[in-house]
Structure formats: C-alpha cells, structure tokens
N, C-alpha and C. Protein backbone atom coordinates (compact mmCIF):
# COMPACT_ATOMS: atom_id res chain seq x y z
N MET A 1 4.10 -6.62 -16.85
CA MET A 1 3.56 -5.42 -16.23
C MET A 1 4.67 -4.59 -15.59
N ALA A 2 5.80 -5.21 -15.29
CA ALA A 2 6.88 -4.47 -14.63
C ALA A 2 7.39 -3.33 -15.51
N SER A 3 7.21 -3.46 -16.81
CA SER A 3 7.72 -2.43 -17.70
C SER A 3 6.72 -1.29 -17.91
N THR A 4 5.52 -1.42 -17.35
CA THR A 4 4.51 -0.36 -17.53
C THR A 4 5.00 0.95 -16.93
N GLU A 5 4.88 2.00 -17.71
CA GLU A 5 5.21 3.34 -17.22
C GLU A 5 4.11 3.76 -16.26
N VAL A 6 4.43 3.99 -15.02
CA VAL A 6 3.42 4.31 -14.01
C VAL A 6 3.00 5.76 -14.12
N ALA A 7 3.91 6.66 -13.98
CA ALA A 7 3.59 8.08 -14.05
C ALA A 7 4.88 8.86 -14.16
N ASN A 8 4.75 10.05 -14.65
CA ASN A 8 5.91 10.93 -14.65
C ASN A 8 6.09 11.48 -13.25
N VAL A 9 7.34 11.55 -12.81
CA VAL A 9 7.60 12.11 -11.48
C VAL A 9 7.29 13.59 -11.52
N PRO A 10 6.47 14.06 -10.58
CA PRO A 10 6.10 15.48 -10.59
C PRO A 10 7.33 16.37 -10.45
N ASP A 11 7.22 17.59 -10.99
CA ASP A 11 8.32 18.53 -10.88
C ASP A 11 8.61 18.85 -9.42
N ASP A 12 7.57 19.00 -8.63
CA ASP A 12 7.74 19.32 -7.21
C ASP A 12 7.31 18.12 -6.37
N LYS A 13 8.26 17.21 -6.09
CA LYS A 13 7.96 16.00 -5.34
C LYS A 13 7.44 16.33 -3.94
N ASN A 14 7.96 17.38 -3.33
CA ASN A 14 7.52 17.73 -1.98
C ASN A 14 6.05 18.12 -1.96
N ALA A 15 5.62 18.85 -2.96
CA ALA A 15 4.21 19.26 -3.03
C ALA A 15 3.33 18.04 -3.23
N ALA A 16 3.76 17.10 -4.07
CA ALA A 16 2.97 15.89 -4.30
C ALA A 16 2.94 15.03 -3.05
N ALA A 17 4.06 14.91 -2.35
CA ALA A 17 4.11 14.09 -1.15
C ALA A 17 3.28 14.70 -0.02
N ALA A 18 3.16 16.02 -0.02
CA ALA A 18 2.40 16.69 1.05
C ALA A 18 0.90 16.71 0.76
N ALA A 19 0.51 16.30 -0.45
CA ALA A 19 -0.91 16.31 -0.80
C ALA A 19 -1.66 15.35 0.11
N PRO A 20 -2.88 15.71 0.50
CA PRO A 20 -3.64 14.84 1.38
C PRO A 20 -4.02 13.54 0.69
N VAL A 21 -4.13 12.47 1.47
CA VAL A 21 -4.54 11.19 0.95
C VAL A 21 -6.06 11.16 0.95
N SER A 22 -6.65 10.83 -0.17
CA SER A 22 -8.10 10.75 -0.26
C SER A 22 -8.56 9.39 0.23
N LEU A 23 -9.62 9.38 1.02
CA LEU A 23 -10.14 8.11 1.49
C LEU A 23 -10.88 7.41 0.37
N GLY A 24 -10.54 6.13 0.18
CA GLY A 24 -11.24 5.32 -0.79
C GLY A 24 -10.76 5.48 -2.22
N LYS A 25 -9.74 6.27 -2.48
CA LYS A 25 -9.24 6.41 -3.83
C LYS A 25 -7.80 6.89 -3.81
N GLY A 26 -7.18 6.73 -4.93
CA GLY A 26 -5.80 7.17 -5.06
C GLY A 26 -4.82 6.03 -4.91
N ALA A 27 -3.70 6.18 -5.58
CA ALA A 27 -2.65 5.18 -5.52
C ALA A 27 -1.31 5.88 -5.64
N TRP A 28 -0.30 5.29 -5.04
CA TRP A 28 1.03 5.88 -4.99
C TRP A 28 2.06 4.83 -5.35
N ASP A 29 2.99 5.18 -6.21
CA ASP A 29 4.08 4.30 -6.61
C ASP A 29 5.28 4.60 -5.73
N CYS A 30 5.58 3.70 -4.82
CA CYS A 30 6.69 3.91 -3.88
C CYS A 30 8.06 3.79 -4.54
N ASP A 31 8.15 3.09 -5.65
CA ASP A 31 9.44 2.95 -6.32
C ASP A 31 9.87 4.27 -6.97
N ASN A 32 8.91 5.04 -7.46
CA ASN A 32 9.20 6.32 -8.11
C ASN A 32 8.78 7.52 -7.26
N ASN A 33 8.19 7.26 -6.09
CA ASN A 33 7.71 8.30 -5.18
C ASN A 33 6.83 9.31 -5.92
N CYS A 34 5.80 8.75 -6.58
CA CYS A 34 4.87 9.60 -7.32
C CYS A 34 3.49 8.96 -7.38
N GLU A 35 2.51 9.81 -7.70
CA GLU A 35 1.13 9.34 -7.81
C GLU A 35 0.95 8.45 -9.03
N ILE A 36 0.08 7.45 -8.89
CA ILE A 36 -0.34 6.65 -10.04
C ILE A 36 -1.62 7.30 -10.53
N PRO A 37 -1.65 7.79 -11.77
CA PRO A 37 -2.85 8.46 -12.26
C PRO A 37 -4.06 7.53 -12.21
N PRO A 38 -5.24 8.06 -11.89
CA PRO A 38 -6.44 7.22 -11.80
C PRO A 38 -6.71 6.40 -13.06
N ASP A 39 -6.40 6.95 -14.22
CA ASP A 39 -6.66 6.21 -15.46
C ASP A 39 -5.67 5.07 -15.70
N LYS A 40 -4.57 5.03 -14.96
CA LYS A 40 -3.57 3.97 -15.09
C LYS A 40 -3.66 2.94 -13.95
N GLU A 41 -4.45 3.26 -12.92
CA GLU A 41 -4.47 2.43 -11.71
C GLU A 41 -4.87 0.97 -11.99
N ALA A 42 -5.93 0.75 -12.74
CA ALA A 42 -6.37 -0.62 -13.04
C ALA A 42 -5.31 -1.39 -13.81
N GLU A 43 -4.63 -0.72 -14.72
CA GLU A 43 -3.58 -1.36 -15.51
C GLU A 43 -2.38 -1.72 -14.63
N VAL A 44 -1.96 -0.79 -13.80
CA VAL A 44 -0.78 -0.99 -12.95
C VAL A 44 -1.01 -2.13 -11.95
N PHE A 45 -2.22 -2.19 -11.38
CA PHE A 45 -2.53 -3.23 -10.39
C PHE A 45 -3.13 -4.48 -11.03
N GLU A 46 -3.10 -4.57 -12.36
CA GLU A 46 -3.58 -5.74 -13.10
C GLU A 46 -5.01 -6.10 -12.74
N GLU A 47 -5.91 -5.13 -12.89
CA GLU A 47 -7.32 -5.34 -12.54
C GLU A 47 -8.25 -5.16 -13.73
N ILE A 48 -7.77 -5.38 -14.92
CA ILE A 48 -8.58 -5.23 -16.12
C ILE A 48 -9.13 -6.60 -16.50
N ALA A 49 -10.45 -6.71 -16.49
CA ALA A 49 -11.10 -7.98 -16.83
C ALA A 49 -10.92 -8.28 -18.32
N THR A 50 -10.66 -9.55 -18.62
CA THR A 50 -10.50 -9.99 -20.00
C THR A 50 -11.29 -11.28 -20.20
N MET A 51 -11.32 -11.74 -21.41
CA MET A 51 -11.98 -13.01 -21.72
C MET A 51 -10.97 -14.17 -21.71
N ASP A 52 -9.78 -13.97 -21.13
CA ASP A 52 -8.78 -15.05 -21.05
C ASP A 52 -9.30 -16.22 -20.22
N PHE A 53 -10.01 -15.94 -19.14
CA PHE A 53 -10.56 -16.96 -18.26
C PHE A 53 -12.01 -16.59 -17.94
N PRO A 54 -12.90 -16.66 -18.94
CA PRO A 54 -14.28 -16.21 -18.69
C PRO A 54 -15.02 -17.15 -17.75
N TYR A 55 -15.98 -16.58 -17.03
CA TYR A 55 -16.86 -17.36 -16.18
C TYR A 55 -18.27 -17.20 -16.72
N GLU A 56 -18.80 -18.25 -17.31
CA GLU A 56 -20.13 -18.24 -17.92
C GLU A 56 -20.32 -17.05 -18.86
N GLY A 57 -19.30 -16.80 -19.67
CA GLY A 57 -19.36 -15.73 -20.66
C GLY A 57 -19.06 -14.35 -20.11
N ILE A 58 -18.68 -14.27 -18.85
CA ILE A 58 -18.38 -12.98 -18.21
C ILE A 58 -16.87 -12.81 -18.12
N PRO A 59 -16.35 -11.65 -18.52
CA PRO A 59 -14.90 -11.43 -18.40
C PRO A 59 -14.47 -11.45 -16.93
N THR A 60 -13.31 -11.97 -16.67
CA THR A 60 -12.75 -11.99 -15.31
C THR A 60 -11.35 -11.41 -15.33
N ILE A 61 -10.84 -11.12 -14.16
CA ILE A 61 -9.48 -10.61 -14.04
C ILE A 61 -8.53 -11.80 -14.07
N PRO A 62 -7.62 -11.85 -15.03
CA PRO A 62 -6.71 -13.00 -15.13
C PRO A 62 -5.69 -13.01 -13.98
N PRO A 63 -5.03 -14.16 -13.79
CA PRO A 63 -3.99 -14.23 -12.75
C PRO A 63 -2.94 -13.16 -12.98
N ARG A 64 -2.43 -12.60 -11.90
CA ARG A 64 -1.43 -11.53 -12.02
C ARG A 64 -0.15 -12.07 -12.64
N LYS A 65 0.53 -11.20 -13.35
CA LYS A 65 1.80 -11.55 -13.98
C LYS A 65 2.97 -10.91 -13.25
N ASN A 66 2.73 -9.74 -12.66
CA ASN A 66 3.80 -9.03 -11.97
C ASN A 66 3.95 -9.58 -10.56
N MET A 67 5.00 -10.34 -10.34
CA MET A 67 5.25 -10.93 -9.03
C MET A 67 6.31 -10.15 -8.24
N THR A 68 6.75 -9.02 -8.78
CA THR A 68 7.80 -8.26 -8.11
C THR A 68 7.26 -7.12 -7.26
N HIS A 69 5.99 -6.77 -7.44
CA HIS A 69 5.42 -5.64 -6.70
C HIS A 69 4.27 -6.10 -5.82
N MET A 70 4.18 -5.52 -4.64
CA MET A 70 3.10 -5.78 -3.71
C MET A 70 2.32 -4.49 -3.51
N ALA A 71 1.11 -4.61 -2.97
CA ALA A 71 0.28 -3.44 -2.72
C ALA A 71 -0.16 -3.44 -1.26
N PHE A 72 -0.12 -2.26 -0.66
CA PHE A 72 -0.53 -2.06 0.73
C PHE A 72 -1.55 -0.94 0.78
N PHE A 73 -2.62 -1.14 1.54
CA PHE A 73 -3.59 -0.09 1.77
C PHE A 73 -3.22 0.62 3.06
N CYS A 74 -3.24 1.95 3.03
CA CYS A 74 -2.94 2.74 4.22
C CYS A 74 -3.76 4.02 4.15
N ASN A 75 -4.65 4.20 5.10
CA ASN A 75 -5.50 5.39 5.17
C ASN A 75 -6.23 5.68 3.86
N GLY A 76 -6.78 4.65 3.24
CA GLY A 76 -7.58 4.83 2.04
C GLY A 76 -6.82 4.94 0.74
N CYS A 77 -5.52 4.91 0.79
CA CYS A 77 -4.71 4.99 -0.42
C CYS A 77 -3.99 3.66 -0.61
N ARG A 78 -3.76 3.30 -1.86
CA ARG A 78 -3.06 2.05 -2.16
C ARG A 78 -1.63 2.38 -2.56
N TYR A 79 -0.69 1.70 -1.94
CA TYR A 79 0.73 1.93 -2.20
C TYR A 79 1.32 0.72 -2.89
N ARG A 80 2.00 0.95 -4.02
CA ARG A 80 2.65 -0.10 -4.80
C ARG A 80 4.14 -0.02 -4.53
N VAL A 81 4.73 -1.16 -4.17
CA VAL A 81 6.15 -1.17 -3.84
C VAL A 81 6.77 -2.48 -4.29
N GLU A 82 8.01 -2.41 -4.76
CA GLU A 82 8.72 -3.64 -5.10
C GLU A 82 9.12 -4.32 -3.80
N ALA A 83 8.68 -5.56 -3.62
CA ALA A 83 8.98 -6.33 -2.41
C ALA A 83 8.80 -7.81 -2.71
N TYR A 84 9.46 -8.63 -1.94
CA TYR A 84 9.46 -10.08 -2.18
C TYR A 84 9.18 -10.83 -0.88
N PRO A 85 8.62 -12.04 -0.98
CA PRO A 85 8.31 -12.81 0.22
C PRO A 85 9.51 -13.11 1.12
N ASP A 86 10.71 -13.12 0.56
CA ASP A 86 11.88 -13.41 1.40
C ASP A 86 12.43 -12.15 2.09
N TRP A 87 11.76 -11.02 1.93
CA TRP A 87 12.13 -9.80 2.64
C TRP A 87 11.53 -9.84 4.03
N THR A 88 12.20 -9.18 4.96
CA THR A 88 11.66 -9.05 6.31
C THR A 88 10.63 -7.92 6.34
N GLY A 89 9.82 -7.91 7.37
CA GLY A 89 8.85 -6.83 7.54
C GLY A 89 9.55 -5.48 7.60
N LYS A 90 10.74 -5.47 8.20
CA LYS A 90 11.50 -4.21 8.30
C LYS A 90 11.91 -3.71 6.92
N GLN A 91 12.37 -4.60 6.06
CA GLN A 91 12.78 -4.20 4.72
C GLN A 91 11.60 -3.62 3.94
N VAL A 92 10.43 -4.24 4.07
CA VAL A 92 9.25 -3.76 3.36
C VAL A 92 8.80 -2.41 3.93
N ALA A 93 8.78 -2.29 5.25
CA ALA A 93 8.38 -1.03 5.88
C ALA A 93 9.33 0.09 5.46
N GLU A 94 10.61 -0.18 5.37
CA GLU A 94 11.59 0.83 4.93
C GLU A 94 11.36 1.22 3.47
N ALA A 95 11.05 0.24 2.63
CA ALA A 95 10.78 0.54 1.21
C ALA A 95 9.53 1.40 1.09
N LEU A 96 8.51 1.09 1.88
CA LEU A 96 7.29 1.90 1.88
C LEU A 96 7.60 3.32 2.38
N TRP A 97 8.39 3.41 3.43
CA TRP A 97 8.71 4.73 4.00
C TRP A 97 9.49 5.58 3.01
N ARG A 98 10.53 4.99 2.42
CA ARG A 98 11.33 5.72 1.41
C ARG A 98 10.46 6.13 0.23
N GLY A 99 9.47 5.31 -0.09
CA GLY A 99 8.63 5.56 -1.25
C GLY A 99 7.52 6.57 -1.04
N GLY A 100 7.29 7.00 0.20
CA GLY A 100 6.32 8.07 0.40
C GLY A 100 5.12 7.74 1.26
N ILE A 101 5.14 6.65 2.01
CA ILE A 101 3.97 6.32 2.83
C ILE A 101 3.76 7.32 3.97
N GLU A 102 4.76 8.14 4.24
CA GLU A 102 4.56 9.17 5.28
C GLU A 102 3.48 10.16 4.88
N ARG A 103 3.07 10.15 3.61
CA ARG A 103 1.95 10.97 3.16
C ARG A 103 0.68 10.64 3.94
N ALA A 104 0.57 9.38 4.40
CA ALA A 104 -0.64 8.92 5.10
C ALA A 104 -0.65 9.37 6.56
N ASN A 105 0.42 9.98 7.01
CA ASN A 105 0.51 10.41 8.40
C ASN A 105 -0.49 11.52 8.68
N ASN A 106 -1.25 11.37 9.76
CA ASN A 106 -2.23 12.39 10.14
C ASN A 106 -1.69 13.14 11.36
N PRO A 107 -1.20 14.36 11.19
CA PRO A 107 -0.64 15.11 12.32
C PRO A 107 -1.69 15.51 13.36
N ASN A 108 -2.97 15.46 13.00
CA ASN A 108 -4.03 15.84 13.92
C ASN A 108 -4.73 14.63 14.54
N GLY A 109 -4.10 13.49 14.48
CA GLY A 109 -4.71 12.27 14.98
C GLY A 109 -4.58 12.12 16.49
N ASN A 110 -5.11 11.02 16.99
CA ASN A 110 -5.07 10.71 18.42
C ASN A 110 -3.80 9.94 18.81
N THR A 111 -2.91 9.73 17.87
CA THR A 111 -1.68 8.97 18.10
C THR A 111 -0.48 9.84 17.73
N PRO A 112 0.72 9.39 18.11
CA PRO A 112 1.92 10.20 17.81
C PRO A 112 2.22 10.35 16.32
N GLY A 113 1.69 9.46 15.49
CA GLY A 113 1.97 9.52 14.06
C GLY A 113 3.13 8.64 13.65
N MET A 114 3.35 8.56 12.35
CA MET A 114 4.46 7.78 11.81
C MET A 114 5.64 8.72 11.61
N LYS A 115 6.71 8.44 12.31
CA LYS A 115 7.90 9.28 12.20
C LYS A 115 9.06 8.55 11.52
N GLY A 116 8.83 7.28 11.19
CA GLY A 116 9.84 6.48 10.52
C GLY A 116 9.29 5.11 10.19
N ALA A 117 10.11 4.31 9.51
CA ALA A 117 9.67 2.97 9.10
C ALA A 117 9.34 2.09 10.30
N GLY A 118 9.94 2.34 11.44
CA GLY A 118 9.67 1.56 12.64
C GLY A 118 8.26 1.77 13.18
N ASP A 119 7.61 2.85 12.76
CA ASP A 119 6.24 3.13 13.21
C ASP A 119 5.18 2.53 12.29
N VAL A 120 5.62 1.82 11.25
CA VAL A 120 4.69 1.22 10.29
C VAL A 120 4.49 -0.25 10.63
N ALA A 121 3.25 -0.65 10.87
CA ALA A 121 2.91 -2.06 11.09
C ALA A 121 2.32 -2.61 9.80
N LEU A 122 2.69 -3.84 9.47
CA LEU A 122 2.19 -4.50 8.26
C LEU A 122 1.25 -5.63 8.67
N ILE A 123 0.15 -5.76 7.97
CA ILE A 123 -0.85 -6.77 8.30
C ILE A 123 -1.17 -7.58 7.05
N TYR A 124 -1.20 -8.91 7.22
CA TYR A 124 -1.62 -9.82 6.15
C TYR A 124 -2.47 -10.91 6.77
N ALA A 125 -3.61 -11.17 6.20
CA ALA A 125 -4.53 -12.22 6.66
C ALA A 125 -4.83 -12.07 8.16
N GLY A 126 -4.99 -10.84 8.60
CA GLY A 126 -5.33 -10.58 9.99
C GLY A 126 -4.19 -10.69 10.97
N GLN A 127 -2.99 -10.95 10.50
CA GLN A 127 -1.83 -11.09 11.37
C GLN A 127 -0.92 -9.87 11.24
N VAL A 128 -0.55 -9.30 12.37
CA VAL A 128 0.43 -8.22 12.37
C VAL A 128 1.80 -8.88 12.21
N MET A 129 2.52 -8.45 11.19
CA MET A 129 3.81 -9.08 10.88
C MET A 129 4.93 -8.46 11.70
N ASP A 130 5.75 -9.30 12.27
CA ASP A 130 6.92 -8.88 13.03
C ASP A 130 7.96 -8.35 12.07
N HIS A 131 8.58 -7.23 12.40
CA HIS A 131 9.59 -6.63 11.50
C HIS A 131 10.82 -7.51 11.33
N GLY A 132 11.04 -8.43 12.26
CA GLY A 132 12.21 -9.30 12.16
C GLY A 132 11.96 -10.57 11.37
N LYS A 133 10.70 -10.87 11.05
CA LYS A 133 10.37 -12.09 10.31
C LYS A 133 10.17 -11.78 8.83
N LYS A 134 10.36 -12.81 8.02
CA LYS A 134 10.15 -12.67 6.58
C LYS A 134 8.67 -12.77 6.26
N LEU A 135 8.27 -12.13 5.17
CA LEU A 135 6.88 -12.18 4.75
C LEU A 135 6.45 -13.61 4.45
N GLN A 136 7.35 -14.43 3.94
CA GLN A 136 7.00 -15.82 3.63
C GLN A 136 6.65 -16.60 4.89
N ASP A 137 7.11 -16.16 6.06
CA ASP A 137 6.73 -16.81 7.32
C ASP A 137 5.24 -16.64 7.60
N TYR A 138 4.62 -15.65 6.97
CA TYR A 138 3.19 -15.39 7.11
C TYR A 138 2.42 -15.87 5.88
N ASN A 139 3.10 -16.63 5.02
CA ASN A 139 2.52 -17.17 3.79
C ASN A 139 2.09 -16.10 2.79
N VAL A 140 2.79 -14.98 2.78
CA VAL A 140 2.51 -13.92 1.81
C VAL A 140 3.03 -14.39 0.45
N PRO A 141 2.16 -14.45 -0.56
CA PRO A 141 2.60 -14.89 -1.89
C PRO A 141 3.33 -13.79 -2.65
N PRO A 142 4.13 -14.16 -3.63
CA PRO A 142 4.77 -13.15 -4.48
C PRO A 142 3.70 -12.30 -5.17
N GLY A 143 3.95 -11.01 -5.26
CA GLY A 143 3.02 -10.11 -5.94
C GLY A 143 1.72 -9.86 -5.19
N CYS A 144 1.67 -10.12 -3.91
CA CYS A 144 0.44 -9.97 -3.12
C CYS A 144 -0.07 -8.52 -3.18
N LYS A 145 -1.36 -8.38 -3.35
CA LYS A 145 -1.96 -7.03 -3.50
C LYS A 145 -2.97 -6.72 -2.40
N VAL A 146 -3.01 -7.49 -1.31
CA VAL A 146 -4.07 -7.31 -0.31
C VAL A 146 -3.52 -7.17 1.11
N MET A 147 -2.55 -6.32 1.29
CA MET A 147 -1.98 -6.12 2.62
C MET A 147 -2.31 -4.72 3.14
N ILE A 148 -2.11 -4.56 4.43
CA ILE A 148 -2.40 -3.29 5.09
C ILE A 148 -1.13 -2.76 5.73
N ALA A 149 -0.93 -1.47 5.66
CA ALA A 149 0.12 -0.78 6.40
C ALA A 149 -0.60 0.22 7.29
N ILE A 150 -0.25 0.24 8.56
CA ILE A 150 -0.95 1.10 9.52
C ILE A 150 0.05 1.57 10.57
N GLU A 151 -0.24 2.70 11.15
CA GLU A 151 0.61 3.20 12.24
C GLU A 151 0.54 2.23 13.41
N LYS A 152 1.70 1.79 13.91
CA LYS A 152 1.74 0.82 15.02
C LYS A 152 0.94 1.27 16.23
N ALA A 153 0.98 2.55 16.55
CA ALA A 153 0.31 3.06 17.74
C ALA A 153 -1.21 2.84 17.67
N LYS A 154 -1.76 2.74 16.47
CA LYS A 154 -3.20 2.53 16.32
C LYS A 154 -3.61 1.11 16.68
N LEU A 155 -2.66 0.21 16.81
CA LEU A 155 -2.96 -1.18 17.13
C LEU A 155 -2.83 -1.48 18.62
N LYS A 156 -2.36 -0.51 19.38
CA LYS A 156 -2.19 -0.73 20.82
C LYS A 156 -3.54 -0.74 21.53
N PRO A 157 -3.66 -1.49 22.62
CA PRO A 157 -4.92 -1.50 23.38
C PRO A 157 -5.29 -0.09 23.84
N GLY A 158 -6.54 0.26 23.68
CA GLY A 158 -7.03 1.58 24.12
C GLY A 158 -6.84 2.69 23.11
N ALA A 159 -6.22 2.40 21.97
CA ALA A 159 -6.01 3.43 20.95
C ALA A 159 -7.35 3.86 20.38
N LYS A 160 -7.50 5.16 20.16
CA LYS A 160 -8.75 5.70 19.61
C LYS A 160 -8.56 6.01 18.13
N PRO A 161 -9.62 5.86 17.33
CA PRO A 161 -9.54 6.24 15.92
C PRO A 161 -9.31 7.74 15.78
N ASP A 162 -8.82 8.15 14.63
CA ASP A 162 -8.61 9.56 14.32
C ASP A 162 -9.93 10.33 14.46
N PRO A 163 -9.85 11.62 14.80
CA PRO A 163 -11.06 12.42 14.95
C PRO A 163 -11.94 12.45 13.70
N ASP A 164 -11.34 12.34 12.52
CA ASP A 164 -12.13 12.38 11.29
C ASP A 164 -12.56 11.00 10.82
N SER A 165 -12.35 9.97 11.63
CA SER A 165 -12.70 8.60 11.26
C SER A 165 -14.22 8.40 11.26
N ALA A 166 -14.68 7.49 10.40
CA ALA A 166 -16.10 7.16 10.34
C ALA A 166 -16.58 6.51 11.64
N TYR A 167 -15.65 6.06 12.46
CA TYR A 167 -15.98 5.45 13.75
C TYR A 167 -16.87 6.39 14.59
N TRP A 168 -16.62 7.68 14.48
CA TRP A 168 -17.33 8.66 15.32
C TRP A 168 -18.69 9.02 14.76
N ASN A 169 -19.03 8.60 13.54
CA ASN A 169 -20.33 8.94 12.93
C ASN A 169 -21.46 8.19 13.59
C-alpha cells in the first residue's frame, strides 16, 4: 500500500491548506501535504472488504499491510502520516504539523488555537501521550489508524468546546 498514489499535489497548496475541514469526512496526506480524494480514501486507509478472511460468508477488511503510516483524527478529518512506534510524540506532532494539520485550527474557537507542533496533543487508547515519550511506551502498534490529534488547550480543566461544536445543541 505504501506505493499507492494518494493524490496529485494541488497547484495552489496554500488554497488547499486553507480550505475548511469538513466534520465527519475528508482525509489529508501529511507526507505530500494534499487532500486524499474521497474515492481513494478506502484504498489508502486499507478499508476495502475482501473475501480473504470471510466471516460466515461475509467479506471483511483484511489485516493492514502498510505498517509505515499512521492515521490521526482531528476536528472530523483523518490525517495520514508516516510515523513509527519508536518515534516520540514530539516527532509525530512535528510530522503532522509539517504535513498540514494546522488546517484543523479554528481561529474563532474558545482556545488560543494551534500555533505549532507543541500545541498538538496526541491521544491513544484514552491516554494523552507525552511529547518526550515514544509511541511504543503507550503500546501503539505499527501502522495504527485509530489515534486522535487535538489542540492541547482543549484538554485543560475548564476548557469549553468551540462555539460551533455539537456540545451546544
């Protein structure tokens, strides 16, 4: 899967990076700093059911093959980035930042926003990962696709959700 062509880099990267993040859809390739087209998303994240390991005649999603890329959810968008369990939280946050996760920054929020990789908190299995520790210290497997990246300020006691959050409904 590592050789899969994700997307062509847009002519105007700044316009693509400034595009709003849609809640509940969309994906971004941090290695190429470009959008993953919706029709390629299932292929890129290895989510196509096959009959390789059927369950009672029903196709299932086979074990992932790409162990070099991880996925992080941030403000409703999924970010794909090359990262490994022996990397520190800081290394992963920097790779996400360089790759375009600042797109998820909400300038109209109740918090200061993400102004750099140091403002990105990583979460796996309900644990906020320390930037100085390696992902393997939190038992993050290679190729993990179920992590969260969030603005650190949103995790502080008393922090309020963004004004457009479903929390207020």
